[in-house]
């Protein structure tokens, strides 16, 4: 209003007076090149606040590094809880030993997923898994492990608040509210710089959607990893079919021993007698 306009004129007049004064005295003074219009007013502060808020929303929305395309995204329907105990150990172990990159075989319900090196494609493509079907009210567990063991990998998701995890060797995420959520797997630093790495991935949901029943489901559900097939039951070595050393040693019975002692006495006896007589 009037007061703001008066203040503006007063400020500009004082700046001009200061400049004239320094010029007349020959004094060199550094004066910031600001005018009243550059001093934040209430309206400009409001506009600045709006810009800051919008930038904040942009930063939050871009917090996830999930970048999935149709070609590298698999829609996965989580397996039923009851299926996790319906496996024959010997059959699963045999499948684990014969698994290969690109195989459609599953081990303990895990799918075999390949993460290719960066130079495998012109555009970096990392495999993505999207939760398919309604899982409202259910707990959903996602577990992953590299195979062979040793190479770490990264996991990211578009779930609100999810922070990227890297150098992972055994990954487990379990929670509710994951309808339509996407998880993406990628290399960790130079883990697959020159060659692809493979990971086993599985998604399971609770049978019940009752919050009271599934409160501790994540802690008690079967999250067995494929590597446990080898860890829990080492491969049995074939039976030794050679000769048993204990059976080939020469055995002496009391009769043989007495005979040999007698012969030794007959041979050495005359020698001892000749020494004394």
C-alpha atoms as a PDB file:
ATOM      1  CA  UNK A   1       0.000   0.000   0.000  1.00  0.00           C
ATOM      2  CA  UNK A   2       1.051   3.611   0.679  1.00  0.00           C
ATOM      3  CA  UNK A   3       3.527   2.693   3.422  1.00  0.00           C
ATOM      4  CA  UNK A   4       5.294   0.165   1.174  1.00  0.00           C
ATOM      5  CA  UNK A   5       5.571   2.693  -1.672  1.00  0.00           C
ATOM      6  CA  UNK A   6       6.895   5.360   0.712  1.00  0.00           C
ATOM      7  CA  UNK A   7       9.475   2.926   2.096  1.00  0.00           C
ATOM      8  CA  UNK A   8      10.583   2.039  -1.393  1.00  0.00           C
ATOM      9  CA  UNK A   9      11.097   5.689  -2.364  1.00  0.00           C
ATOM     10  CA  UNK A  10      12.956   6.430   0.877  1.00  0.00           C
ATOM     11  CA  UNK A  11      15.299   3.492   0.352  1.00  0.00           C
ATOM     12  CA  UNK A  12      16.078   4.453  -3.251  1.00  0.00           C
ATOM     13  CA  UNK A  13      16.718   8.078  -2.203  1.00  0.00           C
ATOM     14  CA  UNK A  14      19.129   7.029   0.554  1.00  0.00           C
ATOM     15  CA  UNK A  15      21.057   4.826  -1.907  1.00  0.00           C
ATOM     16  CA  UNK A  16      21.376   7.735  -4.386  1.00  0.00           C
ATOM     17  CA  UNK A  17      22.564  10.057  -1.604  1.00  0.00           C
ATOM     18  CA  UNK A  18      25.181   7.570  -0.524  1.00  0.00           C
ATOM     19  CA  UNK A  19      26.502   7.238  -4.074  1.00  0.00           C
ATOM     20  CA  UNK A  20      26.643  11.032  -4.566  1.00  0.00           C
ATOM     21  CA  UNK A  21      28.380  11.461  -1.233  1.00  0.00           C
ATOM     22  CA  UNK A  22      31.119   9.006  -2.070  1.00  0.00           C
ATOM     23  CA  UNK A  23      31.638  10.536  -5.496  1.00  0.00           C
ATOM     24  CA  UNK A  24      32.013  14.081  -4.084  1.00  0.00           C
ATOM     25  CA  UNK A  25      34.548  13.025  -1.443  1.00  0.00           C
ATOM     26  CA  UNK A  26      36.516  10.817  -3.787  1.00  0.00           C
ATOM     27  CA  UNK A  27      36.193   7.927  -1.345  1.00  0.00           C
ATOM     28  CA  UNK A  28      36.005   4.530  -2.897  1.00  0.00           C
ATOM     29  CA  UNK A  29      33.166   2.586  -1.212  1.00  0.00           C
ATOM     30  CA  UNK A  30      31.755  -0.823  -2.190  1.00  0.00           C
ATOM     31  CA  UNK A  31      27.980  -0.606  -2.366  1.00  0.00           C
ATOM     32  CA  UNK A  32      25.949  -3.740  -3.117  1.00  0.00           C
ATOM     33  CA  UNK A  33      23.907  -3.292  -6.232  1.00  0.00           C
ATOM     34  CA  UNK A  34      20.575  -3.958  -4.566  1.00  0.00           C
ATOM     35  CA  UNK A  35      17.393  -2.011  -4.958  1.00  0.00           C
ATOM     36  CA  UNK A  36      14.235  -2.229  -2.941  1.00  0.00           C
ATOM     37  CA  UNK A  37      12.636  -4.505  -5.525  1.00  0.00           C
ATOM     38  CA  UNK A  38      15.293  -7.161  -4.750  1.00  0.00           C
ATOM     39  CA  UNK A  39      14.488  -7.266  -1.027  1.00  0.00           C
ATOM     40  CA  UNK A  40      12.062 -10.149  -0.462  1.00  0.00           C
ATOM     41  CA  UNK A  41       8.514  -8.982   0.156  1.00  0.00           C
ATOM     42  CA  UNK A  42       5.738 -11.076   1.669  1.00  0.00           C
ATOM     43  CA  UNK A  43       4.500 -12.076  -1.798  1.00  0.00           C
ATOM     44  CA  UNK A  44       7.953 -13.071  -3.021  1.00  0.00           C
ATOM     45  CA  UNK A  45       8.582 -15.104   0.122  1.00  0.00           C
ATOM     46  CA  UNK A  46       5.318 -16.957  -0.471  1.00  0.00           C
ATOM     47  CA  UNK A  47       6.302 -17.706  -4.062  1.00  0.00           C
ATOM     48  CA  UNK A  48       9.734 -18.921  -2.898  1.00  0.00           C
ATOM     49  CA  UNK A  49       8.132 -21.212  -0.329  1.00  0.00           C
ATOM     50  CA  UNK A  50       5.889 -22.753  -2.992  1.00  0.00           C
ATOM     51  CA  UNK A  51       8.901 -23.409  -5.234  1.00  0.00           C
ATOM     52  CA  UNK A  52      10.790 -25.073  -2.384  1.00  0.00           C
ATOM     53  CA  UNK A  53       7.813 -27.320  -1.572  1.00  0.00           C
ATOM     54  CA  UNK A  54       7.440 -28.339  -5.221  1.00  0.00           C
ATOM     55  CA  UNK A  55      11.140 -29.161  -5.453  1.00  0.00           C
ATOM     56  CA  UNK A  56      10.789 -31.235  -2.309  1.00  0.00           C
ATOM     57  CA  UNK A  57       7.982 -33.276  -3.880  1.00  0.00           C
ATOM     58  CA  UNK A  58      10.083 -33.789  -6.985  1.00  0.00           C
ATOM     59  CA  UNK A  59      13.008 -35.036  -4.900  1.00  0.00           C
ATOM     60  CA  UNK A  60      10.778 -37.440  -2.986  1.00  0.00           C
ATOM     61  CA  UNK A  61       9.178 -38.821  -6.127  1.00  0.00           C
ATOM     62  CA  UNK A  62      12.620 -39.366  -7.642  1.00  0.00           C
ATOM     63  CA  UNK A  63      14.083 -40.990  -4.513  1.00  0.00           C
ATOM     64  CA  UNK A  64      13.723 -44.487  -5.954  1.00  0.00           C
ATOM     65  CA  UNK A  65      16.097 -45.545  -8.710  1.00  0.00           C
ATOM     66  CA  UNK A  66      13.731 -48.220 -10.059  1.00  0.00           C
ATOM     67  CA  UNK A  67      13.789 -47.947 -13.838  1.00  0.00           C
ATOM     68  CA  UNK A  68      11.874 -50.840 -15.358  1.00  0.00           C
ATOM     69  CA  UNK A  69      10.752 -51.409 -18.920  1.00  0.00           C
ATOM     70  CA  UNK A  70       8.381 -54.005 -20.299  1.00  0.00           C
ATOM     71  CA  UNK A  71      11.198 -56.126 -21.696  1.00  0.00           C
ATOM     72  CA  UNK A  72      12.810 -56.728 -18.309  1.00  0.00           C
ATOM     73  CA  UNK A  73       9.729 -56.827 -16.054  1.00  0.00           C
ATOM     74  CA  UNK A  74       8.082 -60.038 -14.874  1.00  0.00           C
ATOM     75  CA  UNK A  75       4.628 -60.001 -13.285  1.00  0.00           C
ATOM     76  CA  UNK A  76       4.748 -62.484 -10.432  1.00  0.00           C
ATOM     77  CA  UNK A  77       1.814 -63.970  -8.589  1.00  0.00           C
ATOM     78  CA  UNK A  78       3.056 -64.775  -5.062  1.00  0.00           C
ATOM     79  CA  UNK A  79       3.098 -68.503  -4.281  1.00  0.00           C
ATOM     80  CA  UNK A  80       0.774 -69.942  -1.655  1.00  0.00           C
ATOM     81  CA  UNK A  81       2.060 -70.392   1.862  1.00  0.00           C
ATOM     82  CA  UNK A  82       1.237 -74.111   1.983  1.00  0.00           C
ATOM     83  CA  UNK A  83       3.415 -74.824  -1.058  1.00  0.00           C
ATOM     84  CA  UNK A  84       6.588 -73.948   0.841  1.00  0.00           C
ATOM     85  CA  UNK A  85       6.718 -77.286   2.647  1.00  0.00           C
ATOM     86  CA  UNK A  86       5.706 -79.464  -0.288  1.00  0.00           C
ATOM     87  CA  UNK A  87       9.180 -80.364  -1.600  1.00  0.00           C
ATOM     88  CA  UNK A  88      11.199 -83.563  -1.884  1.00  0.00           C
ATOM     89  CA  UNK A  89      14.731 -82.827  -0.683  1.00  0.00           C
ATOM     90  CA  UNK A  90      16.566 -85.137  -3.097  1.00  0.00           C
ATOM     91  CA  UNK A  91      14.606 -83.821  -6.100  1.00  0.00           C
ATOM     92  CA  UNK A  92      15.305 -80.186  -5.250  1.00  0.00           C
ATOM     93  CA  UNK A  93      18.995 -80.889  -4.663  1.00  0.00           C
ATOM     94  CA  UNK A  94      19.243 -82.586  -8.060  1.00  0.00           C
ATOM     95  CA  UNK A  95      17.630 -79.571  -9.755  1.00  0.00           C
ATOM     96  CA  UNK A  96      20.008 -77.218  -7.957  1.00  0.00           C
ATOM     97  CA  UNK A  97      23.040 -79.106  -9.241  1.00  0.00           C
ATOM     98  CA  UNK A  98      21.809 -79.019 -12.833  1.00  0.00           C
ATOM     99  CA  UNK A  99      20.602 -75.395 -12.904  1.00  0.00           C
ATOM    100  CA  UNK A 100      21.962 -73.121 -15.649  1.00  0.00           C
ATOM    101  CA  UNK A 101      21.548 -69.518 -16.728  1.00  0.00           C
ATOM    102  CA  UNK A 102      18.264 -69.070 -18.558  1.00  0.00           C
ATOM    103  CA  UNK A 103      16.757 -72.192 -17.045  1.00  0.00           C
ATOM    104  CA  UNK A 104      13.029 -72.158 -16.357  1.00  0.00           C
ATOM    105  CA  UNK A 105      13.436 -74.775 -13.639  1.00  0.00           C
ATOM    106  CA  UNK A 106      12.610 -73.773 -10.075  1.00  0.00           C
ATOM    107  CA  UNK A 107      14.354 -74.871  -6.889  1.00  0.00           C
ATOM    108  CA  UNK A 108      12.305 -74.761  -3.677  1.00  0.00           C
ATOM    109  CA  UNK A 109       9.946 -72.495  -5.605  1.00  0.00           C
ATOM    110  CA  UNK A 110      12.714 -70.027  -6.509  1.00  0.00           C
ATOM    111  CA  UNK A 111      13.048 -68.764 -10.075  1.00  0.00           C
ATOM    112  CA  UNK A 112      16.538 -68.380 -11.564  1.00  0.00           C
ATOM    113  CA  UNK A 113      17.067 -64.744 -12.602  1.00  0.00           C
ATOM    114  CA  UNK A 114      20.066 -63.407 -14.524  1.00  0.00           C
ATOM    115  CA  UNK A 115      21.626 -59.954 -14.048  1.00  0.00           C
ATOM    116  CA  UNK A 116      23.677 -59.100 -17.130  1.00  0.00           C
ATOM    117  CA  UNK A 117      26.794 -56.890 -17.123  1.00  0.00           C
ATOM    118  CA  UNK A 118      26.427 -53.246 -18.101  1.00  0.00           C
ATOM    119  CA  UNK A 119      27.942 -53.770 -21.558  1.00  0.00           C
ATOM    120  CA  UNK A 120      25.549 -56.640 -22.319  1.00  0.00           C
ATOM    121  CA  UNK A 121      23.070 -54.177 -23.842  1.00  0.00           C
ATOM    122  CA  UNK A 122      23.433 -50.667 -25.172  1.00  0.00           C
ATOM    123  CA  UNK A 123      20.966 -49.619 -22.494  1.00  0.00           C
ATOM    124  CA  UNK A 124      21.486 -50.957 -18.979  1.00  0.00           C
ATOM    125  CA  UNK A 125      18.663 -53.386 -18.243  1.00  0.00           C
ATOM    126  CA  UNK A 126      18.134 -54.840 -14.783  1.00  0.00           C
ATOM    127  CA  UNK A 127      15.423 -57.435 -14.071  1.00  0.00           C
ATOM    128  CA  UNK A 128      12.253 -56.259 -12.317  1.00  0.00           C
ATOM    129  CA  UNK A 129       9.543 -58.168 -10.467  1.00  0.00           C
ATOM    130  CA  UNK A 130       6.067 -56.688 -10.075  1.00  0.00           C
ATOM    131  CA  UNK A 131       3.511 -58.106  -7.635  1.00  0.00           C
ATOM    132  CA  UNK A 132       0.572 -59.439  -9.637  1.00  0.00           C
ATOM    133  CA  UNK A 133      -2.896 -60.151  -8.319  1.00  0.00           C
ATOM    134  CA  UNK A 134      -4.629 -58.864  -5.228  1.00  0.00           C
ATOM    135  CA  UNK A 135      -2.632 -59.224  -2.022  1.00  0.00           C
ATOM    136  CA  UNK A 136      -4.615 -56.683  -0.005  1.00  0.00           C
ATOM    137  CA  UNK A 137      -4.418 -57.558   3.667  1.00  0.00           C
ATOM    138  CA  UNK A 138      -1.915 -60.359   3.081  1.00  0.00           C
ATOM    139  CA  UNK A 139       1.700 -60.404   4.125  1.00  0.00           C
ATOM    140  CA  UNK A 140       4.030 -60.819   1.157  1.00  0.00           C
ATOM    141  CA  UNK A 141       7.595 -62.103   1.410  1.00  0.00           C
ATOM    142  CA  UNK A 142      10.278 -61.641  -1.240  1.00  0.00           C
ATOM    143  CA  UNK A 143      13.499 -63.605  -0.783  1.00  0.00           C
ATOM    144  CA  UNK A 144      16.580 -63.682  -3.020  1.00  0.00           C
ATOM    145  CA  UNK A 145      20.060 -65.211  -2.995  1.00  0.00           C
ATOM    146  CA  UNK A 146      22.899 -65.349  -5.558  1.00  0.00           C
ATOM    147  CA  UNK A 147      23.951 -68.728  -6.897  1.00  0.00           C
ATOM    148  CA  UNK A 148      26.715 -69.728  -6.916  1.00  0.00           C
ATOM    149  CA  UNK A 149      27.264 -67.880  -3.648  1.00  0.00           C
ATOM    150  CA  UNK A 150      29.720 -65.034  -3.338  1.00  0.00           C
ATOM    151  CA  UNK A 151      28.546 -62.223  -5.622  1.00  0.00           C
ATOM    152  CA  UNK A 152      26.639 -59.400  -3.940  1.00  0.00           C
ATOM    153  CA  UNK A 153      23.781 -57.596  -5.700  1.00  0.00           C
ATOM    154  CA  UNK A 154      21.498 -54.589  -5.173  1.00  0.00           C
ATOM    155  CA  UNK A 155      17.739 -54.440  -4.588  1.00  0.00           C
ATOM    156  CA  UNK A 156      15.525 -51.394  -5.052  1.00  0.00           C
ATOM    157  CA  UNK A 157      11.769 -50.871  -4.979  1.00  0.00           C
ATOM    158  CA  UNK A 158       9.139 -48.246  -5.679  1.00  0.00           C
ATOM    159  CA  UNK A 159       7.574 -48.939  -2.273  1.00  0.00           C
ATOM    160  CA  UNK A 160       7.262 -45.719  -0.308  1.00  0.00           C
ATOM    161  CA  UNK A 161      10.190 -45.368   2.071  1.00  0.00           C
ATOM    162  CA  UNK A 162      12.197 -48.246   0.612  1.00  0.00           C
ATOM    163  CA  UNK A 163      15.925 -47.502   0.449  1.00  0.00           C
ATOM    164  CA  UNK A 164      18.166 -49.300  -2.018  1.00  0.00           C
ATOM    165  CA  UNK A 165      20.154 -52.150  -0.471  1.00  0.00           C
ATOM    166  CA  UNK A 166      23.497 -53.226  -1.920  1.00  0.00           C
ATOM    167  CA  UNK A 167      26.141 -55.894  -1.428  1.00  0.00           C
ATOM    168  CA  UNK A 168      23.319 -58.267  -0.543  1.00  0.00           C
ATOM    169  CA  UNK A 169      23.936 -62.006  -0.234  1.00  0.00           C
ATOM    170  CA  UNK A 170      20.664 -63.067   1.371  1.00  0.00           C
ATOM    171  CA  UNK A 171      17.739 -60.685   0.872  1.00  0.00           C
ATOM    172  CA  UNK A 172      14.379 -60.877   2.607  1.00  0.00           C
ATOM    173  CA  UNK A 173      11.568 -58.332   2.502  1.00  0.00           C
ATOM    174  CA  UNK A 174       8.273 -59.094   4.197  1.00  0.00           C
ATOM    175  CA  UNK A 175       5.348 -56.746   4.778  1.00  0.00           C
ATOM    176  CA  UNK A 176       1.808 -55.948   3.750  1.00  0.00           C
ATOM    177  CA  UNK A 177       0.562 -53.134   1.539  1.00  0.00           C
ATOM    178  CA  UNK A 178       2.615 -54.180  -1.494  1.00  0.00           C
ATOM    179  CA  UNK A 179      -0.143 -54.362  -4.114  1.00  0.00           C
ATOM    180  CA  UNK A 180       1.421 -53.689  -7.516  1.00  0.00           C
ATOM    181  CA  UNK A 181       4.841 -52.987  -5.984  1.00  0.00           C
ATOM    182  CA  UNK A 182       7.952 -53.451  -8.118  1.00  0.00           C
ATOM    183  CA  UNK A 183      11.378 -54.711  -7.075  1.00  0.00           C
ATOM    184  CA  UNK A 184      14.461 -54.319  -9.242  1.00  0.00           C
ATOM    185  CA  UNK A 185      17.741 -56.260  -9.024  1.00  0.00           C
ATOM    186  CA  UNK A 186      21.065 -54.914 -10.239  1.00  0.00           C
ATOM    187  CA  UNK A 187      24.811 -55.421  -9.988  1.00  0.00           C
ATOM    188  CA  UNK A 188      26.749 -54.218  -6.994  1.00  0.00           C
ATOM    189  CA  UNK A 189      29.703 -52.115  -8.132  1.00  0.00           C
ATOM    190  CA  UNK A 190      31.826 -54.508 -10.236  1.00  0.00           C
ATOM    191  CA  UNK A 191      30.117 -57.766  -9.239  1.00  0.00           C
ATOM    192  CA  UNK A 192      29.111 -58.459 -12.837  1.00  0.00           C
ATOM    193  CA  UNK A 193      31.413 -56.144 -14.723  1.00  0.00           C
ATOM    194  CA  UNK A 194      32.658 -58.902 -17.041  1.00  0.00           C
ATOM    195  CA  UNK A 195      30.083 -61.652 -16.688  1.00  0.00           C
ATOM    196  CA  UNK A 196      26.481 -62.155 -15.663  1.00  0.00           C
ATOM    197  CA  UNK A 197      25.476 -63.206 -12.178  1.00  0.00           C
ATOM    198  CA  UNK A 198      22.448 -65.309 -11.306  1.00  0.00           C
ATOM    199  CA  UNK A 199      20.149 -65.054  -8.331  1.00  0.00           C
ATOM    200  CA  UNK A 200      17.315 -67.186  -7.005  1.00  0.00           C
ATOM    201  CA  UNK A 201      14.164 -65.139  -6.311  1.00  0.00           C
ATOM    202  CA  UNK A 202      10.862 -66.180  -4.756  1.00  0.00           C
ATOM    203  CA  UNK A 203       7.688 -64.375  -3.702  1.00  0.00           C
ATOM    204  CA  UNK A 204       5.208 -65.870  -1.214  1.00  0.00           C
ATOM    205  CA  UNK A 205       2.034 -64.528   0.398  1.00  0.00           C
ATOM    206  CA  UNK A 206       0.273 -65.500   3.597  1.00  0.00           C
ATOM    207  CA  UNK A 207      -2.837 -67.646   3.231  1.00  0.00           C
ATOM    208  CA  UNK A 208      -4.720 -65.475   5.687  1.00  0.00           C
ATOM    209  CA  UNK A 209      -5.485 -61.784   5.366  1.00  0.00           C
ATOM    210  CA  UNK A 210      -6.548 -61.452   8.995  1.00  0.00           C
ATOM    211  CA  UNK A 211      -4.291 -58.887  10.640  1.00  0.00           C
ATOM    212  CA  UNK A 212      -4.406 -60.670  13.983  1.00  0.00           C
ATOM    213  CA  UNK A 213      -3.424 -64.036  12.525  1.00  0.00           C
ATOM    214  CA  UNK A 214      -0.563 -62.810  10.375  1.00  0.00           C
ATOM    215  CA  UNK A 215       0.980 -60.259  12.749  1.00  0.00           C
ATOM    216  CA  UNK A 216       4.095 -62.424  13.214  1.00  0.00           C
ATOM    217  CA  UNK A 217       3.858 -64.350   9.953  1.00  0.00           C
ATOM    218  CA  UNK A 218       7.075 -62.847   8.569  1.00  0.00           C
ATOM    219  CA  UNK A 219       9.052 -64.248  11.496  1.00  0.00           C
ATOM    220  CA  UNK A 220       7.670 -67.773  11.281  1.00  0.00           C
ATOM    221  CA  UNK A 221       7.194 -68.436   7.568  1.00  0.00           C
ATOM    222  CA  UNK A 222       9.520 -70.772   5.677  1.00  0.00           C
ATOM    223  CA  UNK A 223      12.298 -68.637   4.161  1.00  0.00           C
ATOM    224  CA  UNK A 224      14.695 -71.469   3.341  1.00  0.00           C
ATOM    225  CA  UNK A 225      17.291 -70.501   0.714  1.00  0.00           C
ATOM    226  CA  UNK A 226      18.431 -72.901  -2.047  1.00  0.00           C
ATOM    227  CA  UNK A 227      21.982 -72.983  -0.690  1.00  0.00           C
ATOM    228  CA  UNK A 228      20.663 -74.680   2.456  1.00  0.00           C
ATOM    229  CA  UNK A 229      20.133 -77.816   0.385  1.00  0.00           C
ATOM    230  CA  UNK A 230      23.904 -78.220   0.256  1.00  0.00           C
ATOM    231  CA  UNK A 231      24.650 -76.782   3.680  1.00  0.00           C
ATOM    232  CA  UNK A 232      22.216 -79.004   5.544  1.00  0.00           C
ATOM    233  CA  UNK A 233      23.090 -82.260   3.812  1.00  0.00           C
ATOM    234  CA  UNK A 234      26.591 -82.511   2.313  1.00  0.00           C
ATOM    235  CA  UNK A 235      26.969 -84.796  -0.638  1.00  0.00           C
ATOM    236  CA  UNK A 236      27.622 -88.372   0.428  1.00  0.00           C
ATOM    237  CA  UNK A 237      30.927 -89.664  -0.921  1.00  0.00           C
ATOM    238  CA  UNK A 238      30.876 -93.038  -2.707  1.00  0.00           C
ATOM    239  CA  UNK A 239      31.873 -96.054  -0.622  1.00  0.00           C
ATOM    240  CA  UNK A 240      35.548 -97.080  -0.767  1.00  0.00           C
ATOM    241  CA  UNK A 241      35.870-100.300  -2.719  1.00  0.00           C
ATOM    242  CA  UNK A 242      39.621-100.925  -2.404  1.00  0.00           C
ATOM    243  CA  UNK A 243      41.357-103.311  -0.024  1.00  0.00           C
ATOM    244  CA  UNK A 244      41.077-102.636   3.659  1.00  0.00           C
ATOM    245  CA  UNK A 245      44.624-102.152   5.004  1.00  0.00           C
ATOM    246  CA  UNK A 246      43.590-103.676   8.306  1.00  0.00           C
ATOM    247  CA  UNK A 247      42.707-106.890   6.518  1.00  0.00           C
ATOM    248  CA  UNK A 248      45.970-107.195   4.564  1.00  0.00           C
ATOM    249  CA  UNK A 249      48.430-106.975   7.468  1.00  0.00           C
ATOM    250  CA  UNK A 250      50.233-110.192   8.256  1.00  0.00           C
ATOM    251  CA  UNK A 251      48.700-111.868  11.269  1.00  0.00           C
ATOM    252  CA  UNK A 252      50.520-114.125  13.658  1.00  0.00           C
ATOM    253  CA  UNK A 253      48.840-116.654  15.868  1.00  0.00           C
ATOM    254  CA  UNK A 254      50.440-118.102  19.015  1.00  0.00           C
ATOM    255  CA  UNK A 255      51.535-121.319  17.202  1.00  0.00           C
ATOM    256  CA  UNK A 256      53.471-119.472  14.496  1.00  0.00           C
ATOM    257  CA  UNK A 257      55.142-117.268  17.050  1.00  0.00           C
ATOM    258  CA  UNK A 258      56.269-120.218  19.222  1.00  0.00           C
ATOM    259  CA  UNK A 259      57.732-122.017  16.198  1.00  0.00           C
ATOM    260  CA  UNK A 260      59.787-119.017  15.160  1.00  0.00           C
ATOM    261  CA  UNK A 261      61.106-118.517  18.694  1.00  0.00           C
ATOM    262  CA  UNK A 262      62.236-122.150  18.837  1.00  0.00           C
ATOM    263  CA  UNK A 263      64.097-121.895  15.544  1.00  0.00           C
ATOM    264  CA  UNK A 264      65.793-118.727  16.720  1.00  0.00           C
ATOM    265  CA  UNK A 265      66.932-120.455  19.940  1.00  0.00           C
ATOM    266  CA  UNK A 266      68.412-123.410  17.991  1.00  0.00           C
ATOM    267  CA  UNK A 267      70.406-121.031  15.786  1.00  0.00           C
ATOM    268  CA  UNK A 268      71.702-118.713  18.506  1.00  0.00           C
ATOM    269  CA  UNK A 269      72.152-121.325  21.241  1.00  0.00           C
ATOM    270  CA  UNK A 270      75.483-122.813  19.991  1.00  0.00           C
ATOM    271  CA  UNK A 271      76.887-119.342  19.493  1.00  0.00           C
ATOM    272  CA  UNK A 272      76.329-118.418  23.131  1.00  0.00           C
ATOM    273  CA  UNK A 273      77.827-121.711  24.328  1.00  0.00           C
ATOM    274  CA  UNK A 274      80.976-121.204  22.260  1.00  0.00           C
ATOM    275  CA  UNK A 275      81.559-117.884  23.997  1.00  0.00           C
ATOM    276  CA  UNK A 276      81.723-119.379  27.465  1.00  0.00           C
ATOM    277  CA  UNK A 277      83.355-122.784  26.832  1.00  0.00           C
END
